[in-house]
């Protein structure tokens, strides 16, 4: 079996990115918005790995950037889930419109 080329991986990454952007712009549920942000971050991680493999295979910079990005995404998800749980306990909803008081 042949390995997929750079253009194939970039096509998948682009599809993930735009699915995440579409979901982020059209959904009103905070948990769905969080999942869309994770899709966008995963498309970026896929780009890091693909460019590292095909442009600089002897270096590990893309892998380290990906690991750092995964750690940041995990911390972001933990904080966002804590905020969503707090919002649900106060308003009994996870819609974006019920989070108006978090603006200021």
PDB file of N, CA and C in Angstrom:
ATOM      1  N   UNK A   1       0.813  -1.179   0.000  1.00  0.00           N
ATOM      2  CA  UNK A   1       0.000   0.000   0.000  1.00  0.00           C
ATOM      3  C   UNK A   1       0.860   1.247   0.000  1.00  0.00           C
ATOM      4  N   UNK A   2       0.458   2.208  -0.769  1.00  0.00           N
ATOM      5  CA  UNK A   2       1.225   3.446  -0.818  1.00  0.00           C
ATOM      6  C   UNK A   2       0.723   4.416   0.246  1.00  0.00           C
ATOM      7  N   UNK A   3       1.642   5.246   0.691  1.00  0.00           N
ATOM      8  CA  UNK A   3       1.263   6.260   1.675  1.00  0.00           C
ATOM      9  C   UNK A   3       0.614   7.437   0.957  1.00  0.00           C
ATOM     10  N   UNK A   4      -0.319   8.093   1.594  1.00  0.00           N
ATOM     11  CA  UNK A   4      -0.957   9.243   0.939  1.00  0.00           C
ATOM     12  C   UNK A   4       0.038  10.399   0.796  1.00  0.00           C
ATOM     13  N   UNK A   5      -0.131  11.146  -0.269  1.00  0.00           N
ATOM     14  CA  UNK A   5       0.745  12.265  -0.525  1.00  0.00           C
ATOM     15  C   UNK A   5       0.367  13.489   0.285  1.00  0.00           C
ATOM     16  N   UNK A   6       1.184  14.510   0.145  1.00  0.00           N
ATOM     17  CA  UNK A   6       0.964  15.754   0.888  1.00  0.00           C
ATOM     18  C   UNK A   6      -0.364  16.389   0.510  1.00  0.00           C
ATOM     19  N   UNK A   7      -0.718  16.366  -0.762  1.00  0.00           N
ATOM     20  CA  UNK A   7      -1.967  17.001  -1.190  1.00  0.00           C
ATOM     21  C   UNK A   7      -3.198  16.278  -0.633  1.00  0.00           C
ATOM     22  N   UNK A   8      -3.115  14.970  -0.487  1.00  0.00           N
ATOM     23  CA  UNK A   8      -4.230  14.225   0.101  1.00  0.00           C
ATOM     24  C   UNK A   8      -4.430  14.610   1.563  1.00  0.00           C
ATOM     25  N   UNK A   9      -3.332  14.689   2.289  1.00  0.00           N
ATOM     26  CA  UNK A   9      -3.424  15.047   3.704  1.00  0.00           C
ATOM     27  C   UNK A   9      -3.900  16.486   3.864  1.00  0.00           C
ATOM     28  N   UNK A  10      -3.431  17.384   2.999  1.00  0.00           N
ATOM     29  CA  UNK A  10      -3.877  18.775   3.078  1.00  0.00           C
ATOM     30  C   UNK A  10      -5.348  18.917   2.706  1.00  0.00           C
ATOM     31  N   UNK A  11      -5.834  18.066   1.819  1.00  0.00           N
ATOM     32  CA  UNK A  11      -7.263  18.085   1.476  1.00  0.00           C
ATOM     33  C   UNK A  11      -8.107  17.651   2.682  1.00  0.00           C
ATOM     34  N   UNK A  12      -7.681  16.617   3.366  1.00  0.00           N
ATOM     35  CA  UNK A  12      -8.398  16.177   4.568  1.00  0.00           C
ATOM     36  C   UNK A  12      -8.338  17.254   5.644  1.00  0.00           C
ATOM     37  N   UNK A  13      -7.180  17.867   5.802  1.00  0.00           N
ATOM     38  CA  UNK A  13      -7.027  18.923   6.798  1.00  0.00           C
ATOM     39  C   UNK A  13      -7.896  20.134   6.474  1.00  0.00           C
ATOM     40  N   UNK A  14      -7.979  20.485   5.205  1.00  0.00           N
ATOM     41  CA  UNK A  14      -8.828  21.601   4.797  1.00  0.00           C
ATOM     42  C   UNK A  14     -10.296  21.289   5.044  1.00  0.00           C
ATOM     43  N   UNK A  15     -10.694  20.051   4.744  1.00  0.00           N
ATOM     44  CA  UNK A  15     -12.086  19.654   5.002  1.00  0.00           C
ATOM     45  C   UNK A  15     -12.398  19.727   6.497  1.00  0.00           C
ATOM     46  N   UNK A  16     -11.499  19.239   7.346  1.00  0.00           N
ATOM     47  CA  UNK A  16     -11.703  19.326   8.796  1.00  0.00           C
ATOM     48  C   UNK A  16     -11.811  20.778   9.252  1.00  0.00           C
ATOM     49  N   UNK A  17     -10.948  21.622   8.701  1.00  0.00           N
ATOM     50  CA  UNK A  17     -10.951  23.034   9.096  1.00  0.00           C
ATOM     51  C   UNK A  17     -12.273  23.704   8.737  1.00  0.00           C
ATOM     52  N   UNK A  18     -12.741  23.497   7.517  1.00  0.00           N
ATOM     53  CA  UNK A  18     -13.971  24.167   7.107  1.00  0.00           C
ATOM     54  C   UNK A  18     -15.217  23.564   7.742  1.00  0.00           C
ATOM     55  N   UNK A  19     -15.194  22.271   8.070  1.00  0.00           N
ATOM     56  CA  UNK A  19     -16.303  21.692   8.836  1.00  0.00           C
ATOM     57  C   UNK A  19     -16.349  22.330  10.219  1.00  0.00           C
ATOM     58  N   UNK A  20     -15.177  22.536  10.830  1.00  0.00           N
ATOM     59  CA  UNK A  20     -15.120  23.199  12.130  1.00  0.00           C
ATOM     60  C   UNK A  20     -15.592  24.645  12.064  1.00  0.00           C
ATOM     61  N   UNK A  21     -15.193  25.372  11.026  1.00  0.00           N
ATOM     62  CA  UNK A  21     -15.631  26.773  10.866  1.00  0.00           C
ATOM     63  C   UNK A  21     -17.133  26.830  10.636  1.00  0.00           C
ATOM     64  N   UNK A  22     -17.655  25.956   9.792  1.00  0.00           N
ATOM     65  CA  UNK A  22     -19.097  25.937   9.521  1.00  0.00           C
ATOM     66  C   UNK A  22     -19.880  25.641  10.797  1.00  0.00           C
ATOM     67  N   UNK A  23     -19.444  24.644  11.544  1.00  0.00           N
ATOM     68  CA  UNK A  23     -20.124  24.319  12.795  1.00  0.00           C
ATOM     69  C   UNK A  23     -20.035  25.431  13.811  1.00  0.00           C
ATOM     70  N   UNK A  24     -18.891  26.103  13.865  1.00  0.00           N
ATOM     71  CA  UNK A  24     -18.720  27.200  14.818  1.00  0.00           C
ATOM     72  C   UNK A  24     -19.628  28.376  14.487  1.00  0.00           C
ATOM     73  N   UNK A  25     -19.822  28.639  13.199  1.00  0.00           N
ATOM     74  CA  UNK A  25     -20.640  29.791  12.805  1.00  0.00           C
ATOM     75  C   UNK A  25     -22.137  29.499  12.817  1.00  0.00           C
ATOM     76  N   UNK A  26     -22.540  28.232  12.737  1.00  0.00           N
ATOM     77  CA  UNK A  26     -23.964  27.937  12.622  1.00  0.00           C
ATOM     78  C   UNK A  26     -24.588  27.371  13.889  1.00  0.00           C
ATOM     79  N   UNK A  27     -23.818  26.838  14.802  1.00  0.00           N
ATOM     80  CA  UNK A  27     -24.386  26.188  15.986  1.00  0.00           C
ATOM     81  C   UNK A  27     -24.525  27.186  17.127  1.00  0.00           C
ATOM     82  N   UNK A  28     -25.467  26.912  18.014  1.00  0.00           N
ATOM     83  CA  UNK A  28     -25.702  27.763  19.179  1.00  0.00           C
ATOM     84  C   UNK A  28     -25.487  27.036  20.488  1.00  0.00           C
ATOM     85  N   UNK A  29     -25.054  25.794  20.451  1.00  0.00           N
ATOM     86  CA  UNK A  29     -24.801  25.013  21.649  1.00  0.00           C
ATOM     87  C   UNK A  29     -23.322  25.150  22.008  1.00  0.00           C
ATOM     88  N   UNK A  30     -23.017  25.462  23.260  1.00  0.00           N
ATOM     89  CA  UNK A  30     -21.630  25.691  23.653  1.00  0.00           C
ATOM     90  C   UNK A  30     -20.768  24.434  23.541  1.00  0.00           C
ATOM     91  N   UNK A  31     -21.339  23.273  23.796  1.00  0.00           N
ATOM     92  CA  UNK A  31     -20.576  22.035  23.685  1.00  0.00           C
ATOM     93  C   UNK A  31     -20.235  21.749  22.225  1.00  0.00           C
ATOM     94  N   UNK A  32     -21.173  22.018  21.333  1.00  0.00           N
ATOM     95  CA  UNK A  32     -20.912  21.844  19.904  1.00  0.00           C
ATOM     96  C   UNK A  32     -19.851  22.838  19.425  1.00  0.00           C
ATOM     97  N   UNK A  33     -19.892  24.055  19.938  1.00  0.00           N
ATOM     98  CA  UNK A  33     -18.859  25.037  19.586  1.00  0.00           C
ATOM     99  C   UNK A  33     -17.491  24.569  20.057  1.00  0.00           C
ATOM    100  N   UNK A  34     -17.430  23.977  21.232  1.00  0.00           N
ATOM    101  CA  UNK A  34     -16.163  23.455  21.737  1.00  0.00           C
ATOM    102  C   UNK A  34     -15.639  22.326  20.848  1.00  0.00           C
ATOM    103  N   UNK A  35     -16.525  21.454  20.393  1.00  0.00           N
ATOM    104  CA  UNK A  35     -16.102  20.377  19.496  1.00  0.00           C
ATOM    105  C   UNK A  35     -15.619  20.934  18.156  1.00  0.00           C
ATOM    106  N   UNK A  36     -16.252  21.988  17.687  1.00  0.00           N
ATOM    107  CA  UNK A  36     -15.818  22.597  16.418  1.00  0.00           C
ATOM    108  C   UNK A  36     -14.439  23.232  16.561  1.00  0.00           C
ATOM    109  N   UNK A  37     -14.175  23.851  17.695  1.00  0.00           N
ATOM    110  CA  UNK A  37     -12.837  24.401  17.933  1.00  0.00           C
ATOM    111  C   UNK A  37     -11.804  23.282  17.965  1.00  0.00           C
ATOM    112  N   UNK A  38     -12.164  22.155  18.548  1.00  0.00           N
ATOM    113  CA  UNK A  38     -11.251  21.006  18.568  1.00  0.00           C
ATOM    114  C   UNK A  38     -10.999  20.474  17.152  1.00  0.00           C
ATOM    115  N   UNK A  39     -12.014  20.486  16.300  1.00  0.00           N
ATOM    116  CA  UNK A  39     -11.810  20.083  14.902  1.00  0.00           C
ATOM    117  C   UNK A  39     -10.819  21.006  14.200  1.00  0.00           C
ATOM    118  N   UNK A  40     -10.949  22.295  14.445  1.00  0.00           N
ATOM    119  CA  UNK A  40     -10.038  23.262  13.831  1.00  0.00           C
ATOM    120  C   UNK A  40      -8.614  23.031  14.326  1.00  0.00           C
ATOM    121  N   UNK A  41      -8.456  22.819  15.620  1.00  0.00           N
ATOM    122  CA  UNK A  41      -7.118  22.566  16.162  1.00  0.00           C
ATOM    123  C   UNK A  41      -6.531  21.261  15.635  1.00  0.00           C
ATOM    124  N   UNK A  42      -7.364  20.237  15.453  1.00  0.00           N
ATOM    125  CA  UNK A  42      -6.868  18.978  14.903  1.00  0.00           C
ATOM    126  C   UNK A  42      -6.454  19.119  13.442  1.00  0.00           C
ATOM    127  N   UNK A  43      -7.134  19.979  12.693  1.00  0.00           N
ATOM    128  CA  UNK A  43      -6.697  20.205  11.311  1.00  0.00           C
ATOM    129  C   UNK A  43      -5.331  20.897  11.290  1.00  0.00           C
ATOM    130  N   UNK A  44      -5.101  21.794  12.222  1.00  0.00           N
ATOM    131  CA  UNK A  44      -3.788  22.447  12.316  1.00  0.00           C
ATOM    132  C   UNK A  44      -2.715  21.422  12.691  1.00  0.00           C
ATOM    133  N   UNK A  45      -3.046  20.529  13.624  1.00  0.00           N
ATOM    134  CA  UNK A  45      -2.090  19.491  14.009  1.00  0.00           C
ATOM    135  C   UNK A  45      -1.764  18.570  12.833  1.00  0.00           C
ATOM    136  N   UNK A  46      -2.764  18.258  12.038  1.00  0.00           N
ATOM    137  CA  UNK A  46      -2.539  17.434  10.853  1.00  0.00           C
ATOM    138  C   UNK A  46      -1.609  18.138   9.865  1.00  0.00           C
ATOM    139  N   UNK A  47      -1.765  19.440   9.732  1.00  0.00           N
ATOM    140  CA  UNK A  47      -0.850  20.211   8.879  1.00  0.00           C
ATOM    141  C   UNK A  47       0.577  20.177   9.410  1.00  0.00           C
ATOM    142  N   UNK A  48       0.741  20.348  10.725  1.00  0.00           N
ATOM    143  CA  UNK A  48       2.083  20.283  11.314  1.00  0.00           C
ATOM    144  C   UNK A  48       2.753  18.953  10.998  1.00  0.00           C
ATOM    145  N   UNK A  49       2.029  17.865  11.185  1.00  0.00           N
ATOM    146  CA  UNK A  49       2.606  16.539  10.954  1.00  0.00           C
ATOM    147  C   UNK A  49       2.895  16.315   9.468  1.00  0.00           C
ATOM    148  N   UNK A  50       1.974  16.731   8.602  1.00  0.00           N
ATOM    149  CA  UNK A  50       2.168  16.515   7.159  1.00  0.00           C
ATOM    150  C   UNK A  50       3.361  17.301   6.638  1.00  0.00           C
ATOM    151  N   UNK A  51       3.458  18.569   6.994  1.00  0.00           N
ATOM    152  CA  UNK A  51       4.590  19.368   6.514  1.00  0.00           C
ATOM    153  C   UNK A  51       5.905  18.875   7.109  1.00  0.00           C
ATOM    154  N   UNK A  52       5.860  18.413   8.343  1.00  0.00           N
ATOM    155  CA  UNK A  52       7.075  17.879   8.930  1.00  0.00           C
ATOM    156  C   UNK A  52       7.518  16.618   8.194  1.00  0.00           C
ATOM    157  N   UNK A  53       6.578  15.747   7.849  1.00  0.00           N
ATOM    158  CA  UNK A  53       6.933  14.485   7.193  1.00  0.00           C
ATOM    159  C   UNK A  53       7.437  14.691   5.770  1.00  0.00           C
ATOM    160  N   UNK A  54       6.804  15.572   5.039  1.00  0.00           N
ATOM    161  CA  UNK A  54       7.136  15.698   3.613  1.00  0.00           C
ATOM    162  C   UNK A  54       8.169  16.772   3.303  1.00  0.00           C
ATOM    163  N   UNK A  55       8.320  17.780   4.144  1.00  0.00           N
ATOM    164  CA  UNK A  55       9.288  18.835   3.836  1.00  0.00           C
ATOM    165  C   UNK A  55      10.598  18.671   4.607  1.00  0.00           C
ATOM    166  N   UNK A  56      10.507  18.312   5.884  1.00  0.00           N
ATOM    167  CA  UNK A  56      11.697  18.140   6.710  1.00  0.00           C
ATOM    168  C   UNK A  56      11.607  16.827   7.471  1.00  0.00           C
ATOM    169  N   UNK A  57      11.776  15.688   6.793  1.00  0.00           N
ATOM    170  CA  UNK A  57      11.594  14.393   7.470  1.00  0.00           C
ATOM    171  C   UNK A  57      12.649  14.098   8.538  1.00  0.00           C
ATOM    172  N   UNK A  58      13.789  14.751   8.476  1.00  0.00           N
ATOM    173  CA  UNK A  58      14.837  14.464   9.460  1.00  0.00           C
ATOM    174  C   UNK A  58      14.665  15.259  10.749  1.00  0.00           C
ATOM    175  N   UNK A  59      13.778  16.234  10.752  1.00  0.00           N
ATOM    176  CA  UNK A  59      13.548  17.048  11.950  1.00  0.00           C
ATOM    177  C   UNK A  59      12.250  16.625  12.629  1.00  0.00           C
ATOM    178  N   UNK A  60      12.105  16.992  13.892  1.00  0.00           N
ATOM    179  CA  UNK A  60      10.911  16.653  14.657  1.00  0.00           C
ATOM    180  C   UNK A  60      10.160  17.905  15.121  1.00  0.00           C
ATOM    181  N   UNK A  61      10.373  19.029  14.456  1.00  0.00           N
ATOM    182  CA  UNK A  61       9.730  20.270  14.884  1.00  0.00           C
ATOM    183  C   UNK A  61       8.208  20.188  14.796  1.00  0.00           C
ATOM    184  N   UNK A  62       7.684  19.631  13.726  1.00  0.00           N
ATOM    185  CA  UNK A  62       6.236  19.515  13.567  1.00  0.00           C
ATOM    186  C   UNK A  62       5.615  18.639  14.636  1.00  0.00           C
ATOM    187  N   UNK A  63       6.327  17.589  15.019  1.00  0.00           N
ATOM    188  CA  UNK A  63       5.832  16.703  16.075  1.00  0.00           C
ATOM    189  C   UNK A  63       5.786  17.425  17.409  1.00  0.00           C
ATOM    190  N   UNK A  64       6.818  18.210  17.709  1.00  0.00           N
ATOM    191  CA  UNK A  64       6.824  18.944  18.975  1.00  0.00           C
ATOM    192  C   UNK A  64       5.752  20.029  19.004  1.00  0.00           C
ATOM    193  N   UNK A  65       5.544  20.710  17.876  1.00  0.00           N
ATOM    194  CA  UNK A  65       4.466  21.702  17.807  1.00  0.00           C
ATOM    195  C   UNK A  65       3.109  21.032  18.009  1.00  0.00           C
ATOM    196  N   UNK A  66       2.946  19.846  17.452  1.00  0.00           N
ATOM    197  CA  UNK A  66       1.684  19.120  17.604  1.00  0.00           C
ATOM    198  C   UNK A  66       1.465  18.700  19.047  1.00  0.00           C
ATOM    199  N   UNK A  67       2.485  18.179  19.697  1.00  0.00           N
ATOM    200  CA  UNK A  67       2.344  17.797  21.099  1.00  0.00           C
ATOM    201  C   UNK A  67       2.030  19.004  21.982  1.00  0.00           C
ATOM    202  N   UNK A  68       2.679  20.124  21.711  1.00  0.00           N
ATOM    203  CA  UNK A  68       2.398  21.351  22.458  1.00  0.00           C
ATOM    204  C   UNK A  68       0.972  21.810  22.205  1.00  0.00           C
ATOM    205  N   UNK A  69       0.520  21.730  20.971  1.00  0.00           N
ATOM    206  CA  UNK A  69      -0.844  22.133  20.625  1.00  0.00           C
ATOM    207  C   UNK A  69      -1.881  21.221  21.277  1.00  0.00           C
ATOM    208  N   UNK A  70      -1.602  19.928  21.350  1.00  0.00           N
ATOM    209  CA  UNK A  70      -2.520  18.999  22.008  1.00  0.00           C
ATOM    210  C   UNK A  70      -2.609  19.311  23.500  1.00  0.00           C
ATOM    211  N   UNK A  71      -1.484  19.647  24.121  1.00  0.00           N
ATOM    212  CA  UNK A  71      -1.502  20.007  25.544  1.00  0.00           C
ATOM    213  C   UNK A  71      -2.306  21.279  25.780  1.00  0.00           C
ATOM    214  N   UNK A  72      -2.139  22.272  24.918  1.00  0.00           N
ATOM    215  CA  UNK A  72      -2.904  23.516  25.034  1.00  0.00           C
ATOM    216  C   UNK A  72      -4.389  23.243  24.804  1.00  0.00           C
ATOM    217  N   UNK A  73      -4.724  22.403  23.841  1.00  0.00           N
ATOM    218  CA  UNK A  73      -6.130  22.078  23.553  1.00  0.00           C
ATOM    219  C   UNK A  73      -6.770  21.340  24.724  1.00  0.00           C
ATOM    220  N   UNK A  74      -6.011  20.479  25.387  1.00  0.00           N
ATOM    221  CA  UNK A  74      -6.561  19.769  26.544  1.00  0.00           C
ATOM    222  C   UNK A  74      -6.848  20.733  27.689  1.00  0.00           C
ATOM    223  N   UNK A  75      -5.943  21.669  27.925  1.00  0.00           N
ATOM    224  CA  UNK A  75      -6.173  22.665  28.971  1.00  0.00           C
ATOM    225  C   UNK A  75      -7.357  23.564  28.613  1.00  0.00           C
ATOM    226  N   UNK A  76      -7.441  23.945  27.360  1.00  0.00           N
ATOM    227  CA  UNK A  76      -8.562  24.783  26.901  1.00  0.00           C
ATOM    228  C   UNK A  76      -9.884  24.055  27.045  1.00  0.00           C
ATOM    229  N   UNK A  77      -9.908  22.782  26.718  1.00  0.00           N
ATOM    230  CA  UNK A  77     -11.140  22.002  26.837  1.00  0.00           C
ATOM    231  C   UNK A  77     -11.552  21.845  28.298  1.00  0.00           C
ATOM    232  N   UNK A  78     -10.590  21.646  29.186  1.00  0.00           N
ATOM    233  CA  UNK A  78     -10.915  21.500  30.604  1.00  0.00           C
ATOM    234  C   UNK A  78     -11.518  22.786  31.167  1.00  0.00           C
ATOM    235  N   UNK A  79     -10.940  23.926  30.822  1.00  0.00           N
ATOM    236  CA  UNK A  79     -11.474  25.209  31.298  1.00  0.00           C
ATOM    237  C   UNK A  79     -12.838  25.479  30.676  1.00  0.00           C
ATOM    238  N   UNK A  80     -12.995  25.206  29.399  1.00  0.00           N
ATOM    239  CA  UNK A  80     -14.273  25.457  28.729  1.00  0.00           C
ATOM    240  C   UNK A  80     -15.374  24.562  29.290  1.00  0.00           C
ATOM    241  N   UNK A  81     -15.074  23.303  29.562  1.00  0.00           N
ATOM    242  CA  UNK A  81     -16.080  22.413  30.126  1.00  0.00           C
ATOM    243  C   UNK A  81     -16.466  22.863  31.528  1.00  0.00           C
ATOM    244  N   UNK A  82     -15.509  23.349  32.309  1.00  0.00           N
ATOM    245  CA  UNK A  82     -15.833  23.874  33.642  1.00  0.00           C
ATOM    246  C   UNK A  82     -16.759  25.090  33.536  1.00  0.00           C
ATOM    247  N   UNK A  83     -16.504  25.972  32.582  1.00  0.00           N
ATOM    248  CA  UNK A  83     -17.373  27.134  32.382  1.00  0.00           C
ATOM    249  C   UNK A  83     -18.759  26.699  31.921  1.00  0.00           C
ATOM    250  N   UNK A  84     -18.821  25.728  31.036  1.00  0.00           N
ATOM    251  CA  UNK A  84     -20.119  25.239  30.541  1.00  0.00           C
ATOM    252  C   UNK A  84     -20.917  24.588  31.663  1.00  0.00           C
ATOM    253  N   UNK A  85     -20.260  23.809  32.520  1.00  0.00           N
ATOM    254  CA  UNK A  85     -20.959  23.187  33.648  1.00  0.00           C
ATOM    255  C   UNK A  85     -21.487  24.249  34.602  1.00  0.00           C
ATOM    256  N   UNK A  86     -20.686  25.258  34.876  1.00  0.00           N
ATOM    257  CA  UNK A  86     -21.136  26.348  35.750  1.00  0.00           C
ATOM    258  C   UNK A  86     -22.317  27.096  35.126  1.00  0.00           C
ATOM    259  N   UNK A  87     -22.249  27.337  33.843  1.00  0.00           N
ATOM    260  CA  UNK A  87     -23.349  28.023  33.155  1.00  0.00           C
ATOM    261  C   UNK A  87     -24.615  27.168  33.175  1.00  0.00           C
ATOM    262  N   UNK A  88     -24.475  25.868  32.997  1.00  0.00           N
ATOM    263  CA  UNK A  88     -25.646  24.994  33.019  1.00  0.00           C
ATOM    264  C   UNK A  88     -26.278  24.943  34.409  1.00  0.00           C
ATOM    265  N   UNK A  89     -25.457  24.944  35.434  1.00  0.00           N
ATOM    266  CA  UNK A  89     -26.006  24.922  36.801  1.00  0.00           C
ATOM    267  C   UNK A  89     -26.768  26.202  37.122  1.00  0.00           C
ATOM    268  N   UNK A  90     -26.343  27.326  36.574  1.00  0.00           N
ATOM    269  CA  UNK A  90     -27.013  28.597  36.869  1.00  0.00           C
ATOM    270  C   UNK A  90     -28.220  28.853  35.980  1.00  0.00           C
ATOM    271  N   UNK A  91     -28.157  28.472  34.699  1.00  0.00           N
ATOM    272  CA  UNK A  91     -29.202  28.835  33.737  1.00  0.00           C
ATOM    273  C   UNK A  91     -29.970  27.643  33.184  1.00  0.00           C
ATOM    274  N   UNK A  92     -29.545  26.427  33.483  1.00  0.00           N
ATOM    275  CA  UNK A  92     -30.180  25.193  32.984  1.00  0.00           C
ATOM    276  C   UNK A  92     -30.241  25.162  31.461  1.00  0.00           C
ATOM    277  N   UNK A  93     -29.222  25.710  30.831  1.00  0.00           N
ATOM    278  CA  UNK A  93     -29.128  25.718  29.373  1.00  0.00           C
ATOM    279  C   UNK A  93     -27.668  25.902  28.985  1.00  0.00           C
ATOM    280  N   UNK A  94     -27.299  25.371  27.818  1.00  0.00           N
ATOM    281  CA  UNK A  94     -25.947  25.572  27.308  1.00  0.00           C
ATOM    282  C   UNK A  94     -25.976  26.311  25.970  1.00  0.00           C
ATOM    283  N   UNK A  95     -27.014  27.092  25.756  1.00  0.00           N
ATOM    284  CA  UNK A  95     -27.103  27.886  24.539  1.00  0.00           C
ATOM    285  C   UNK A  95     -26.221  29.126  24.655  1.00  0.00           C
ATOM    286  N   UNK A  96     -25.808  29.638  23.520  1.00  0.00           N
ATOM    287  CA  UNK A  96     -24.945  30.809  23.496  1.00  0.00           C
ATOM    288  C   UNK A  96     -25.697  32.039  24.006  1.00  0.00           C
ATOM    289  N   UNK A  97     -26.994  32.125  23.735  1.00  0.00           N
ATOM    290  CA  UNK A  97     -27.763  33.280  24.163  1.00  0.00           C
ATOM    291  C   UNK A  97     -27.852  33.374  25.681  1.00  0.00           C
ATOM    292  N   UNK A  98     -27.799  32.245  26.387  1.00  0.00           N
ATOM    293  CA  UNK A  98     -27.876  32.287  27.845  1.00  0.00           C
ATOM    294  C   UNK A  98     -26.547  32.687  28.467  1.00  0.00           C
ATOM    295  N   UNK A  99     -25.496  32.799  27.666  1.00  0.00           N
ATOM    296  CA  UNK A  99     -24.170  33.191  28.173  1.00  0.00           C
ATOM    297  C   UNK A  99     -23.917  34.676  28.000  1.00  0.00           C
ATOM    298  N   UNK A 100     -24.946  35.476  27.862  1.00  0.00           N
ATOM    299  CA  UNK A 100     -24.774  36.914  27.660  1.00  0.00           C
ATOM    300  C   UNK A 100     -24.098  37.583  28.848  1.00  0.00           C
ATOM    301  N   UNK A 101     -24.338  37.102  30.051  1.00  0.00           N
ATOM    302  CA  UNK A 101     -23.750  37.742  31.225  1.00  0.00           C
ATOM    303  C   UNK A 101     -22.250  37.481  31.329  1.00  0.00           C
ATOM    304  N   UNK A 102     -21.713  36.551  30.573  1.00  0.00           N
ATOM    305  CA  UNK A 102     -20.277  36.287  30.601  1.00  0.00           C
ATOM    306  C   UNK A 102     -19.479  37.275  29.758  1.00  0.00           C
ATOM    307  N   UNK A 103     -20.148  38.178  29.055  1.00  0.00           N
ATOM    308  CA  UNK A 103     -19.435  39.131  28.208  1.00  0.00           C
ATOM    309  C   UNK A 103     -18.608  40.117  29.004  1.00  0.00           C
ATOM    310  N   UNK A 104     -19.137  40.582  30.108  1.00  0.00           N
ATOM    311  CA  UNK A 104     -18.484  41.679  30.837  1.00  0.00           C
ATOM    312  C   UNK A 104     -17.876  41.210  32.118  1.00  0.00           C
TER     313      UNK A 104
END
